[in-house]
PDB file of N, CA and C in Angstrom:
ATOM      1  N   MET A   1      -6.254  -4.927  -9.611  1.00  0.00           N
ATOM      2  CA  MET A   1      -6.098  -6.016  -8.692  1.00  0.00           C
ATOM      3  C   MET A   1      -7.166  -7.081  -8.955  1.00  0.00           C
ATOM      4  N   GLN A   2      -8.360  -6.628  -9.312  1.00  0.00           N
ATOM      5  CA  GLN A   2      -9.413  -7.596  -9.633  1.00  0.00           C
ATOM      6  C   GLN A   2      -9.043  -8.427 -10.858  1.00  0.00           C
ATOM      7  N   GLU A   3      -8.399  -7.793 -11.824  1.00  0.00           N
ATOM      8  CA  GLU A   3      -7.978  -8.526 -13.024  1.00  0.00           C
ATOM      9  C   GLU A   3      -6.910  -9.569 -12.687  1.00  0.00           C
ATOM     10  N   ILE A   4      -6.007  -9.228 -11.784  1.00  0.00           N
ATOM     11  CA  ILE A   4      -4.955 -10.169 -11.392  1.00  0.00           C
ATOM     12  C   ILE A   4      -5.563 -11.404 -10.739  1.00  0.00           C
ATOM     13  N   VAL A   5      -6.459 -11.194  -9.773  1.00  0.00           N
ATOM     14  CA  VAL A   5      -7.030 -12.345  -9.068  1.00  0.00           C
ATOM     15  C   VAL A   5      -8.047 -13.103  -9.914  1.00  0.00           C
ATOM     16  N   ALA A   6      -8.600 -12.457 -10.935  1.00  0.00           N
ATOM     17  CA  ALA A   6      -9.559 -13.129 -11.805  1.00  0.00           C
ATOM     18  C   ALA A   6      -8.885 -14.119 -12.743  1.00  0.00           C
ATOM     19  N   ASN A   7      -7.589 -13.973 -12.938  1.00  0.00           N
ATOM     20  CA  ASN A   7      -6.841 -14.833 -13.849  1.00  0.00           C
ATOM     21  C   ASN A   7      -5.944 -15.769 -13.043  1.00  0.00           C
ATOM     22  N   PRO A   8      -6.328 -17.039 -12.898  1.00  0.00           N
ATOM     23  CA  PRO A   8      -5.536 -17.967 -12.091  1.00  0.00           C
ATOM     24  C   PRO A   8      -4.095 -18.151 -12.597  1.00  0.00           C
ATOM     25  N   GLY A   9      -3.844 -17.864 -13.849  1.00  0.00           N
ATOM     26  CA  GLY A   9      -2.502 -17.990 -14.400  1.00  0.00           C
ATOM     27  C   GLY A   9      -1.608 -16.788 -14.131  1.00  0.00           C
ATOM     28  N   ASP A  10      -2.184 -15.716 -13.637  1.00  0.00           N
ATOM     29  CA  ASP A  10      -1.420 -14.497 -13.366  1.00  0.00           C
ATOM     30  C   ASP A  10      -0.703 -14.643 -12.028  1.00  0.00           C
ATOM     31  N   LYS A  11       0.594 -14.617 -12.042  1.00  0.00           N
ATOM     32  CA  LYS A  11       1.400 -14.796 -10.829  1.00  0.00           C
ATOM     33  C   LYS A  11       1.892 -13.466 -10.250  1.00  0.00           C
ATOM     34  N   THR A  12       1.303 -12.358 -10.697  1.00  0.00           N
ATOM     35  CA  THR A  12       1.689 -11.039 -10.199  1.00  0.00           C
ATOM     36  C   THR A  12       1.493 -10.967  -8.693  1.00  0.00           C
ATOM     37  N   GLN A  13       2.499 -10.453  -8.007  1.00  0.00           N
ATOM     38  CA  GLN A  13       2.435 -10.210  -6.568  1.00  0.00           C
ATOM     39  C   GLN A  13       2.127  -8.728  -6.354  1.00  0.00           C
ATOM     40  N   VAL A  14       1.207  -8.427  -5.450  1.00  0.00           N
ATOM     41  CA  VAL A  14       0.838  -7.054  -5.147  1.00  0.00           C
ATOM     42  C   VAL A  14       1.107  -6.779  -3.677  1.00  0.00           C
ATOM     43  N   SER A  15       1.825  -5.707  -3.414  1.00  0.00           N
ATOM     44  CA  SER A  15       2.022  -5.233  -2.045  1.00  0.00           C
ATOM     45  C   SER A  15       1.514  -3.802  -1.997  1.00  0.00           C
ATOM     46  N   MET A  16       0.534  -3.566  -1.132  1.00  0.00           N
ATOM     47  CA  MET A  16      -0.134  -2.267  -1.100  1.00  0.00           C
ATOM     48  C   MET A  16      -0.131  -1.715   0.319  1.00  0.00           C
ATOM     49  N   ILE A  17       0.300  -0.469   0.453  1.00  0.00           N
ATOM     50  CA  ILE A  17       0.126   0.271   1.700  1.00  0.00           C
ATOM     51  C   ILE A  17      -0.999   1.253   1.428  1.00  0.00           C
ATOM     52  N   PHE A  18      -2.070   1.134   2.178  1.00  0.00           N
ATOM     53  CA  PHE A  18      -3.231   1.997   1.965  1.00  0.00           C
ATOM     54  C   PHE A  18      -3.374   2.915   3.169  1.00  0.00           C
ATOM     55  N   GLY A  19      -2.906   4.157   3.021  1.00  0.00           N
ATOM     56  CA  GLY A  19      -2.937   5.125   4.108  1.00  0.00           C
ATOM     57  C   GLY A  19      -4.183   5.986   4.067  1.00  0.00           C
ATOM     58  N   ASN A  20      -4.737   6.210   5.250  1.00  0.00           N
ATOM     59  CA  ASN A  20      -5.931   7.043   5.393  1.00  0.00           C
ATOM     60  C   ASN A  20      -5.863   7.801   6.713  1.00  0.00           C
ATOM     61  N   VAL A  21      -6.713   8.801   6.853  1.00  0.00           N
ATOM     62  CA  VAL A  21      -6.751   9.555   8.103  1.00  0.00           C
ATOM     63  C   VAL A  21      -7.403   8.727   9.205  1.00  0.00           C
ATOM     64  N   SER A  22      -8.536   8.096   8.894  1.00  0.00           N
ATOM     65  CA  SER A  22      -9.265   7.323   9.905  1.00  0.00           C
ATOM     66  C   SER A  22      -9.837   6.055   9.279  1.00  0.00           C
ATOM     67  N   ILE A  23     -10.344   5.197  10.116  1.00  0.00           N
ATOM     68  CA  ILE A  23     -10.982   3.960   9.640  1.00  0.00           C
ATOM     69  C   ILE A  23     -12.109   4.291   8.662  1.00  0.00           C
ATOM     70  N   ASP A  24     -12.872   5.318   8.982  1.00  0.00           N
ATOM     71  CA  ASP A  24     -14.026   5.677   8.152  1.00  0.00           C
ATOM     72  C   ASP A  24     -13.643   6.168   6.768  1.00  0.00           C
ATOM     73  N   ASP A  25     -12.388   6.538   6.574  1.00  0.00           N
ATOM     74  CA  ASP A  25     -11.931   7.041   5.285  1.00  0.00           C
ATOM     75  C   ASP A  25     -11.463   5.943   4.331  1.00  0.00           C
ATOM     76  N   ILE A  26     -11.374   4.719   4.795  1.00  0.00           N
ATOM     77  CA  ILE A  26     -10.822   3.631   3.978  1.00  0.00           C
ATOM     78  C   ILE A  26     -11.869   3.164   2.961  1.00  0.00           C
ATOM     79  N   LEU A  27     -11.638   3.507   1.710  1.00  0.00           N
ATOM     80  CA  LEU A  27     -12.541   3.075   0.638  1.00  0.00           C
ATOM     81  C   LEU A  27     -12.369   1.579   0.386  1.00  0.00           C
ATOM     82  N   LEU A  28     -13.465   0.897   0.166  1.00  0.00           N
ATOM     83  CA  LEU A  28     -13.476  -0.533  -0.170  1.00  0.00           C
ATOM     84  C   LEU A  28     -12.765  -1.393   0.876  1.00  0.00           C
ATOM     85  N   LYS A  29     -12.817  -0.974   2.141  1.00  0.00           N
ATOM     86  CA  LYS A  29     -12.094  -1.678   3.205  1.00  0.00           C
ATOM     87  C   LYS A  29     -12.452  -3.167   3.258  1.00  0.00           C
ATOM     88  N   GLN A  30     -13.729  -3.471   3.305  1.00  0.00           N
ATOM     89  CA  GLN A  30     -14.140  -4.877   3.412  1.00  0.00           C
ATOM     90  C   GLN A  30     -13.710  -5.672   2.185  1.00  0.00           C
ATOM     91  N   GLU A  31     -13.853  -5.097   1.002  1.00  0.00           N
ATOM     92  CA  GLU A  31     -13.463  -5.793  -0.220  1.00  0.00           C
ATOM     93  C   GLU A  31     -11.957  -6.083  -0.227  1.00  0.00           C
ATOM     94  N   LEU A  32     -11.160  -5.106   0.209  1.00  0.00           N
ATOM     95  CA  LEU A  32      -9.709  -5.299   0.260  1.00  0.00           C
ATOM     96  C   LEU A  32      -9.317  -6.325   1.321  1.00  0.00           C
ATOM     97  N   GLU A  33      -9.988  -6.299   2.477  1.00  0.00           N
ATOM     98  CA  GLU A  33      -9.724  -7.303   3.507  1.00  0.00           C
ATOM     99  C   GLU A  33     -10.066  -8.699   2.998  1.00  0.00           C
ATOM    100  N   ASP A  34     -11.190  -8.819   2.298  1.00  0.00           N
ATOM    101  CA  ASP A  34     -11.588 -10.112   1.733  1.00  0.00           C
ATOM    102  C   ASP A  34     -10.572 -10.593   0.710  1.00  0.00           C
ATOM    103  N   MET A  35     -10.090  -9.677  -0.131  1.00  0.00           N
ATOM    104  CA  MET A  35      -9.128 -10.027  -1.174  1.00  0.00           C
ATOM    105  C   MET A  35      -7.818 -10.544  -0.559  1.00  0.00           C
ATOM    106  N   ARG A  36      -7.310  -9.859   0.438  1.00  0.00           N
ATOM    107  CA  ARG A  36      -6.046 -10.298   1.029  1.00  0.00           C
ATOM    108  C   ARG A  36      -6.207 -11.607   1.799  1.00  0.00           C
ATOM    109  N   ALA A  37      -7.399 -11.854   2.330  1.00  0.00           N
ATOM    110  CA  ALA A  37      -7.644 -13.109   3.042  1.00  0.00           C
ATOM    111  C   ALA A  37      -7.753 -14.286   2.073  1.00  0.00           C
ATOM    112  N   LYS A  38      -8.251 -14.030   0.896  1.00  0.00           N
ATOM    113  CA  LYS A  38      -8.511 -15.097  -0.071  1.00  0.00           C
ATOM    114  C   LYS A  38      -7.320 -15.409  -0.976  1.00  0.00           C
ATOM    115  N   TYR A  39      -6.494 -14.401  -1.285  1.00  0.00           N
ATOM    116  CA  TYR A  39      -5.430 -14.575  -2.275  1.00  0.00           C
ATOM    117  C   TYR A  39      -4.044 -14.349  -1.661  1.00  0.00           C
ATOM    118  N   ASP A  40      -3.177 -15.336  -1.818  1.00  0.00           N
ATOM    119  CA  ASP A  40      -1.822 -15.263  -1.262  1.00  0.00           C
ATOM    120  C   ASP A  40      -0.950 -14.208  -1.921  1.00  0.00           C
ATOM    121  N   ASN A  41      -1.311 -13.775  -3.112  1.00  0.00           N
ATOM    122  CA  ASN A  41      -0.484 -12.796  -3.827  1.00  0.00           C
ATOM    123  C   ASN A  41      -0.916 -11.348  -3.572  1.00  0.00           C
ATOM    124  N   MET A  42      -1.887 -11.145  -2.704  1.00  0.00           N
ATOM    125  CA  MET A  42      -2.365  -9.800  -2.376  1.00  0.00           C
ATOM    126  C   MET A  42      -1.939  -9.459  -0.947  1.00  0.00           C
ATOM    127  N   HIS A  43      -0.960  -8.591  -0.830  1.00  0.00           N
ATOM    128  CA  HIS A  43      -0.422  -8.181   0.475  1.00  0.00           C
ATOM    129  C   HIS A  43      -0.862  -6.733   0.705  1.00  0.00           C
ATOM    130  N   ILE A  44      -1.943  -6.567   1.447  1.00  0.00           N
ATOM    131  CA  ILE A  44      -2.555  -5.250   1.631  1.00  0.00           C
ATOM    132  C   ILE A  44      -2.410  -4.854   3.096  1.00  0.00           C
ATOM    133  N   ARG A  45      -1.805  -3.684   3.326  1.00  0.00           N
ATOM    134  CA  ARG A  45      -1.607  -3.176   4.672  1.00  0.00           C
ATOM    135  C   ARG A  45      -2.290  -1.826   4.799  1.00  0.00           C
ATOM    136  N   PHE A  46      -3.080  -1.680   5.844  1.00  0.00           N
ATOM    137  CA  PHE A  46      -3.754  -0.417   6.111  1.00  0.00           C
ATOM    138  C   PHE A  46      -2.958   0.361   7.151  1.00  0.00           C
ATOM    139  N   ILE A  47      -2.955   1.671   7.024  1.00  0.00           N
ATOM    140  CA  ILE A  47      -2.367   2.542   8.030  1.00  0.00           C
ATOM    141  C   ILE A  47      -3.248   3.781   8.145  1.00  0.00           C
ATOM    142  N   ILE A  48      -3.535   4.172   9.388  1.00  0.00           N
ATOM    143  CA  ILE A  48      -4.314   5.389   9.617  1.00  0.00           C
ATOM    144  C   ILE A  48      -3.479   6.352  10.459  1.00  0.00           C
ATOM    145  N   ASP A  49      -3.777   7.635  10.334  1.00  0.00           N
ATOM    146  CA  ASP A  49      -2.998   8.657  11.043  1.00  0.00           C
ATOM    147  C   ASP A  49      -3.067   8.514  12.559  1.00  0.00           C
ATOM    148  N   LYS A  50      -4.266   8.265  13.068  1.00  0.00           N
ATOM    149  CA  LYS A  50      -4.466   8.198  14.517  1.00  0.00           C
ATOM    150  C   LYS A  50      -5.322   6.983  14.857  1.00  0.00           C
ATOM    151  N   ALA A  51      -4.971   6.324  15.946  1.00  0.00           N
ATOM    152  CA  ALA A  51      -5.762   5.178  16.401  1.00  0.00           C
ATOM    153  C   ALA A  51      -7.166   5.650  16.773  1.00  0.00           C
ATOM    154  N   PRO A  52      -8.162   4.802  16.562  1.00  0.00           N
ATOM    155  CA  PRO A  52      -9.529   5.193  16.904  1.00  0.00           C
ATOM    156  C   PRO A  52      -9.671   5.416  18.420  1.00  0.00           C
ATOM    157  N   THR A  53     -10.472   6.393  18.781  1.00  0.00           N
ATOM    158  CA  THR A  53     -10.711   6.686  20.193  1.00  0.00           C
ATOM    159  C   THR A  53     -12.156   6.392  20.595  1.00  0.00           C
ATOM    160  N   ASP A  54     -12.888   5.777  19.672  1.00  0.00           N
ATOM    161  CA  ASP A  54     -14.308   5.526  19.929  1.00  0.00           C
ATOM    162  C   ASP A  54     -14.595   4.075  20.324  1.00  0.00           C
ATOM    163  N   GLY A  55     -13.543   3.347  20.699  1.00  0.00           N
ATOM    164  CA  GLY A  55     -13.732   1.973  21.144  1.00  0.00           C
ATOM    165  C   GLY A  55     -13.594   0.924  20.054  1.00  0.00           C
ATOM    166  N   ARG A  56     -13.513   1.351  18.786  1.00  0.00           N
ATOM    167  CA  ARG A  56     -13.347   0.367  17.715  1.00  0.00           C
ATOM    168  C   ARG A  56     -11.944  -0.214  17.765  1.00  0.00           C
ATOM    169  N   GLU A  57     -11.869  -1.504  17.518  1.00  0.00           N
ATOM    170  CA  GLU A  57     -10.573  -2.197  17.516  1.00  0.00           C
ATOM    171  C   GLU A  57      -9.833  -1.916  16.210  1.00  0.00           C
ATOM    172  N   TRP A  58      -8.514  -1.713  16.314  1.00  0.00           N
ATOM    173  CA  TRP A  58      -7.671  -1.485  15.141  1.00  0.00           C
ATOM    174  C   TRP A  58      -6.380  -2.254  15.322  1.00  0.00           C
ATOM    175  N   ASN A  59      -6.160  -3.270  14.477  1.00  0.00           N
ATOM    176  CA  ASN A  59      -4.975  -4.114  14.588  1.00  0.00           C
ATOM    177  C   ASN A  59      -3.972  -3.886  13.465  1.00  0.00           C
ATOM    178  N   GLU A  60      -4.124  -2.778  12.770  1.00  0.00           N
ATOM    179  CA  GLU A  60      -3.227  -2.447  11.670  1.00  0.00           C
ATOM    180  C   GLU A  60      -2.288  -1.334  12.124  1.00  0.00           C
ATOM    181  N   SER A  61      -1.532  -0.774  11.194  1.00  0.00           N
ATOM    182  CA  SER A  61      -0.563   0.269  11.523  1.00  0.00           C
ATOM    183  C   SER A  61      -1.243   1.608  11.820  1.00  0.00           C
ATOM    184  N   VAL A  62      -0.554   2.402  12.634  1.00  0.00           N
ATOM    185  CA  VAL A  62      -0.981   3.764  12.950  1.00  0.00           C
ATOM    186  C   VAL A  62       0.213   4.677  12.706  1.00  0.00           C
ATOM    187  N   GLY A  63      -0.015   5.788  12.056  1.00  0.00           N
ATOM    188  CA  GLY A  63       1.066   6.737  11.786  1.00  0.00           C
ATOM    189  C   GLY A  63       1.022   7.188  10.345  1.00  0.00           C
ATOM    190  N   TYR A  64       2.210   7.313   9.770  1.00  0.00           N
ATOM    191  CA  TYR A  64       2.326   7.821   8.404  1.00  0.00           C
ATOM    192  C   TYR A  64       3.112   6.854   7.536  1.00  0.00           C
ATOM    193  N   VAL A  65       2.997   7.020   6.230  1.00  0.00           N
ATOM    194  CA  VAL A  65       3.758   6.211   5.282  1.00  0.00           C
ATOM    195  C   VAL A  65       5.173   6.788   5.247  1.00  0.00           C
ATOM    196  N   THR A  66       6.085   6.116   5.919  1.00  0.00           N
ATOM    197  CA  THR A  66       7.459   6.581   6.067  1.00  0.00           C
ATOM    198  C   THR A  66       8.422   5.664   5.320  1.00  0.00           C
ATOM    199  N   GLU A  67       9.663   6.100   5.203  1.00  0.00           N
ATOM    200  CA  GLU A  67      10.674   5.272   4.548  1.00  0.00           C
ATOM    201  C   GLU A  67      10.814   3.892   5.224  1.00  0.00           C
ATOM    202  N   PRO A  68      10.896   3.812   6.565  1.00  0.00           N
ATOM    203  CA  PRO A  68      10.989   2.478   7.183  1.00  0.00           C
ATOM    204  C   PRO A  68       9.772   1.592   6.886  1.00  0.00           C
ATOM    205  N   LEU A  69       8.580   2.188   6.855  1.00  0.00           N
ATOM    206  CA  LEU A  69       7.388   1.401   6.546  1.00  0.00           C
ATOM    207  C   LEU A  69       7.432   0.894   5.114  1.00  0.00           C
ATOM    208  N   ILE A  70       7.840   1.757   4.196  1.00  0.00           N
ATOM    209  CA  ILE A  70       7.956   1.355   2.792  1.00  0.00           C
ATOM    210  C   ILE A  70       8.961   0.210   2.672  1.00  0.00           C
ATOM    211  N   LYS A  71      10.095   0.341   3.333  1.00  0.00           N
ATOM    212  CA  LYS A  71      11.132  -0.703   3.271  1.00  0.00           C
ATOM    213  C   LYS A  71      10.619  -2.018   3.832  1.00  0.00           C
ATOM    214  N   GLU A  72       9.847  -1.938   4.901  1.00  0.00           N
ATOM    215  CA  GLU A  72       9.324  -3.140   5.560  1.00  0.00           C
ATOM    216  C   GLU A  72       8.207  -3.800   4.761  1.00  0.00           C
ATOM    217  N   ARG A  73       7.355  -3.006   4.143  1.00  0.00           N
ATOM    218  CA  ARG A  73       6.115  -3.535   3.574  1.00  0.00           C
ATOM    219  C   ARG A  73       6.055  -3.690   2.058  1.00  0.00           C
ATOM    220  N   LEU A  74       6.872  -2.958   1.319  1.00  0.00           N
ATOM    221  CA  LEU A  74       6.825  -3.073  -0.138  1.00  0.00           C
ATOM    222  C   LEU A  74       7.978  -3.922  -0.652  1.00  0.00           C
ATOM    223  N   PHE A  75       7.881  -4.323  -1.886  1.00  0.00           N
ATOM    224  CA  PHE A  75       8.944  -5.104  -2.496  1.00  0.00           C
ATOM    225  C   PHE A  75      10.176  -4.229  -2.694  1.00  0.00           C
ATOM    226  N   PRO A  76      11.365  -4.802  -2.556  1.00  0.00           N
ATOM    227  CA  PRO A  76      12.572  -4.012  -2.802  1.00  0.00           C
ATOM    228  C   PRO A  76      12.698  -3.668  -4.282  1.00  0.00           C
ATOM    229  N   ALA A  77      13.502  -2.663  -4.555  1.00  0.00           N
ATOM    230  CA  ALA A  77      13.733  -2.249  -5.941  1.00  0.00           C
ATOM    231  C   ALA A  77      14.260  -3.419  -6.756  1.00  0.00           C
ATOM    232  N   ALA A  78      13.724  -3.570  -7.967  1.00  0.00           N
ATOM    233  CA  ALA A  78      14.151  -4.633  -8.878  1.00  0.00           C
ATOM    234  C   ALA A  78      13.620  -4.310 -10.269  1.00  0.00           C
ATOM    235  N   GLU A  79      14.160  -5.003 -11.268  1.00  0.00           N
ATOM    236  CA  GLU A  79      13.727  -4.786 -12.651  1.00  0.00           C
ATOM    237  C   GLU A  79      12.264  -5.163 -12.878  1.00  0.00           C
ATOM    238  N   ASP A  80      11.725  -6.053 -12.055  1.00  0.00           N
ATOM    239  CA  ASP A  80      10.347  -6.487 -12.244  1.00  0.00           C
ATOM    240  C   ASP A  80       9.385  -5.856 -11.232  1.00  0.00           C
ATOM    241  N   VAL A  81       9.824  -4.753 -10.597  1.00  0.00           N
ATOM    242  CA  VAL A  81       8.983  -4.066  -9.616  1.00  0.00           C
ATOM    243  C   VAL A  81       8.590  -2.692 -10.158  1.00  0.00           C
ATOM    244  N   VAL A  82       7.298  -2.432 -10.129  1.00  0.00           N
ATOM    245  CA  VAL A  82       6.756  -1.125 -10.496  1.00  0.00           C
ATOM    246  C   VAL A  82       5.951  -0.638  -9.296  1.00  0.00           C
ATOM    247  N   VAL A  83       6.109   0.635  -8.948  1.00  0.00           N
ATOM    248  CA  VAL A  83       5.382   1.214  -7.824  1.00  0.00           C
ATOM    249  C   VAL A  83       4.379   2.225  -8.361  1.00  0.00           C
ATOM    250  N   LEU A  84       3.144   2.097  -7.902  1.00  0.00           N
ATOM    251  CA  LEU A  84       2.089   3.034  -8.263  1.00  0.00           C
ATOM    252  C   LEU A  84       1.763   3.869  -7.029  1.00  0.00           C
ATOM    253  N   LEU A  85       1.790   5.182  -7.178  1.00  0.00           N
ATOM    254  CA  LEU A  85       1.493   6.093  -6.073  1.00  0.00           C
ATOM    255  C   LEU A  85       0.235   6.885  -6.379  1.00  0.00           C
ATOM    256  N   CYS A  86      -0.599   7.037  -5.369  1.00  0.00           N
ATOM    257  CA  CYS A  86      -1.805   7.823  -5.507  1.00  0.00           C
ATOM    258  C   CYS A  86      -2.087   8.475  -4.169  1.00  0.00           C
ATOM    259  N   GLY A  87      -2.450   9.730  -4.186  1.00  0.00           N
ATOM    260  CA  GLY A  87      -2.777  10.415  -2.945  1.00  0.00           C
ATOM    261  C   GLY A  87      -2.552  11.897  -3.060  1.00  0.00           C
ATOM    262  N   PRO A  88      -2.632  12.583  -1.919  1.00  0.00           N
ATOM    263  CA  PRO A  88      -2.385  14.027  -1.932  1.00  0.00           C
ATOM    264  C   PRO A  88      -0.974  14.315  -2.441  1.00  0.00           C
ATOM    265  N   PRO A  89      -0.781  15.429  -3.114  1.00  0.00           N
ATOM    266  CA  PRO A  89       0.521  15.739  -3.703  1.00  0.00           C
ATOM    267  C   PRO A  89       1.709  15.626  -2.736  1.00  0.00           C
ATOM    268  N   ILE A  90       1.545  16.058  -1.501  1.00  0.00           N
ATOM    269  CA  ILE A  90       2.668  15.985  -0.554  1.00  0.00           C
ATOM    270  C   ILE A  90       3.010  14.533  -0.217  1.00  0.00           C
ATOM    271  N   LEU A  91       2.012  13.680  -0.096  1.00  0.00           N
ATOM    272  CA  LEU A  91       2.256  12.261   0.168  1.00  0.00           C
ATOM    273  C   LEU A  91       2.996  11.629  -1.003  1.00  0.00           C
ATOM    274  N   VAL A  92       2.555  11.930  -2.211  1.00  0.00           N
ATOM    275  CA  VAL A  92       3.200  11.385  -3.407  1.00  0.00           C
ATOM    276  C   VAL A  92       4.650  11.856  -3.480  1.00  0.00           C
ATOM    277  N   LYS A  93       4.877  13.142  -3.234  1.00  0.00           N
ATOM    278  CA  LYS A  93       6.234  13.705  -3.304  1.00  0.00           C
ATOM    279  C   LYS A  93       7.165  13.045  -2.291  1.00  0.00           C
ATOM    280  N   ILE A  94       6.729  12.944  -1.052  1.00  0.00           N
ATOM    281  CA  ILE A  94       7.560  12.347  -0.001  1.00  0.00           C
ATOM    282  C   ILE A  94       7.769  10.859  -0.255  1.00  0.00           C
ATOM    283  N   SER A  95       6.720  10.155  -0.633  1.00  0.00           N
ATOM    284  CA  SER A  95       6.832   8.717  -0.886  1.00  0.00           C
ATOM    285  C   SER A  95       7.765   8.435  -2.057  1.00  0.00           C
ATOM    286  N   LYS A  96       7.664   9.243  -3.108  1.00  0.00           N
ATOM    287  CA  LYS A  96       8.547   9.056  -4.260  1.00  0.00           C
ATOM    288  C   LYS A  96      10.002   9.258  -3.861  1.00  0.00           C
ATOM    289  N   ALA A  97      10.276  10.291  -3.070  1.00  0.00           N
ATOM    290  CA  ALA A  97      11.644  10.531  -2.598  1.00  0.00           C
ATOM    291  C   ALA A  97      12.136   9.372  -1.736  1.00  0.00           C
ATOM    292  N   ASN A  98      11.281   8.853  -0.867  1.00  0.00           N
ATOM    293  CA  ASN A  98      11.671   7.724  -0.019  1.00  0.00           C
ATOM    294  C   ASN A  98      11.917   6.461  -0.839  1.00  0.00           C
ATOM    295  N   LEU A  99      11.097   6.222  -1.844  1.00  0.00           N
ATOM    296  CA  LEU A  99      11.309   5.064  -2.725  1.00  0.00           C
ATOM    297  C   LEU A  99      12.642   5.178  -3.453  1.00  0.00           C
ATOM    298  N   GLN A 100      12.970   6.376  -3.920  1.00  0.00           N
ATOM    299  CA  GLN A 100      14.248   6.564  -4.615  1.00  0.00           C
ATOM    300  C   GLN A 100      15.420   6.363  -3.659  1.00  0.00           C
ATOM    301  N   LYS A 101      15.292   6.790  -2.411  1.00  0.00           N
ATOM    302  CA  LYS A 101      16.331   6.533  -1.405  1.00  0.00           C
ATOM    303  C   LYS A 101      16.558   5.034  -1.225  1.00  0.00           C
ATOM    304  N   LEU A 102      15.488   4.270  -1.395  1.00  0.00           N
ATOM    305  CA  LEU A 102      15.563   2.813  -1.241  1.00  0.00           C
ATOM    306  C   LEU A 102      15.979   2.110  -2.533  1.00  0.00           C
ATOM    307  N   GLY A 103      16.342   2.883  -3.555  1.00  0.00           N
ATOM    308  CA  GLY A 103      16.874   2.309  -4.783  1.00  0.00           C
ATOM    309  C   GLY A 103      15.902   2.123  -5.918  1.00  0.00           C
ATOM    310  N   HIS A 104      14.675   2.553  -5.756  1.00  0.00           N
ATOM    311  CA  HIS A 104      13.700   2.428  -6.840  1.00  0.00           C
ATOM    312  C   HIS A 104      13.990   3.473  -7.911  1.00  0.00           C
ATOM    313  N   ASP A 105      14.037   3.029  -9.148  1.00  0.00           N
ATOM    314  CA  ASP A 105      14.269   3.910 -10.293  1.00  0.00           C
ATOM    315  C   ASP A 105      13.043   4.792 -10.498  1.00  0.00           C
ATOM    316  N   GLU A 106      13.257   6.093 -10.679  1.00  0.00           N
ATOM    317  CA  GLU A 106      12.117   6.991 -10.822  1.00  0.00           C
ATOM    318  C   GLU A 106      11.251   6.646 -12.038  1.00  0.00           C
ATOM    319  N   ASN A 107      11.808   5.974 -13.039  1.00  0.00           N
ATOM    320  CA  ASN A 107      11.029   5.554 -14.212  1.00  0.00           C
ATOM    321  C   ASN A 107      10.114   4.366 -13.899  1.00  0.00           C
ATOM    322  N   ARG A 108      10.296   3.757 -12.722  1.00  0.00           N
ATOM    323  CA  ARG A 108       9.464   2.626 -12.320  1.00  0.00           C
ATOM    324  C   ARG A 108       8.526   3.022 -11.187  1.00  0.00           C
ATOM    325  N   ILE A 109       8.435   4.336 -10.944  1.00  0.00           N
ATOM    326  CA  ILE A 109       7.502   4.887  -9.943  1.00  0.00           C
ATOM    327  C   ILE A 109       6.490   5.730 -10.715  1.00  0.00           C
ATOM    328  N   LEU A 110       5.254   5.296 -10.728  1.00  0.00           N
ATOM    329  CA  LEU A 110       4.211   5.994 -11.476  1.00  0.00           C
ATOM    330  C   LEU A 110       3.256   6.646 -10.498  1.00  0.00           C
ATOM    331  N   ALA A 111       3.101   7.946 -10.604  1.00  0.00           N
ATOM    332  CA  ALA A 111       2.220   8.693  -9.716  1.00  0.00           C
ATOM    333  C   ALA A 111       1.022   9.226 -10.490  1.00  0.00           C
ATOM    334  N   PHE A 112      -0.129   9.153  -9.870  1.00  0.00           N
ATOM    335  CA  PHE A 112      -1.338   9.688 -10.491  1.00  0.00           C
ATOM    336  C   PHE A 112      -2.282  10.198  -9.420  1.00  0.00           C
TER     337      PHE A 112
END
């Protein structure tokens, strides 16, 4: 993502759902928030399993990465769309199945 924004000629669009258990688990949260605020081609959405109960404000999604969330937040299946998945094996497995239900070709879904 840093390479994309570093090159003004790169018109790549990025849509990212970043799921975590809690606010404290979000790696590079401030950097990602800054990136999405500064660049129109960076669409970054955070989701945590449970809303904070310690008084901290949370204006992002709460719950799990589900098929409806993927449909709402990621780009639809197309020849120029590639999906990168990263996370616990069960999350990757379920997300890959949901992406395929939405028409994404399994050869365009890369998991690591």
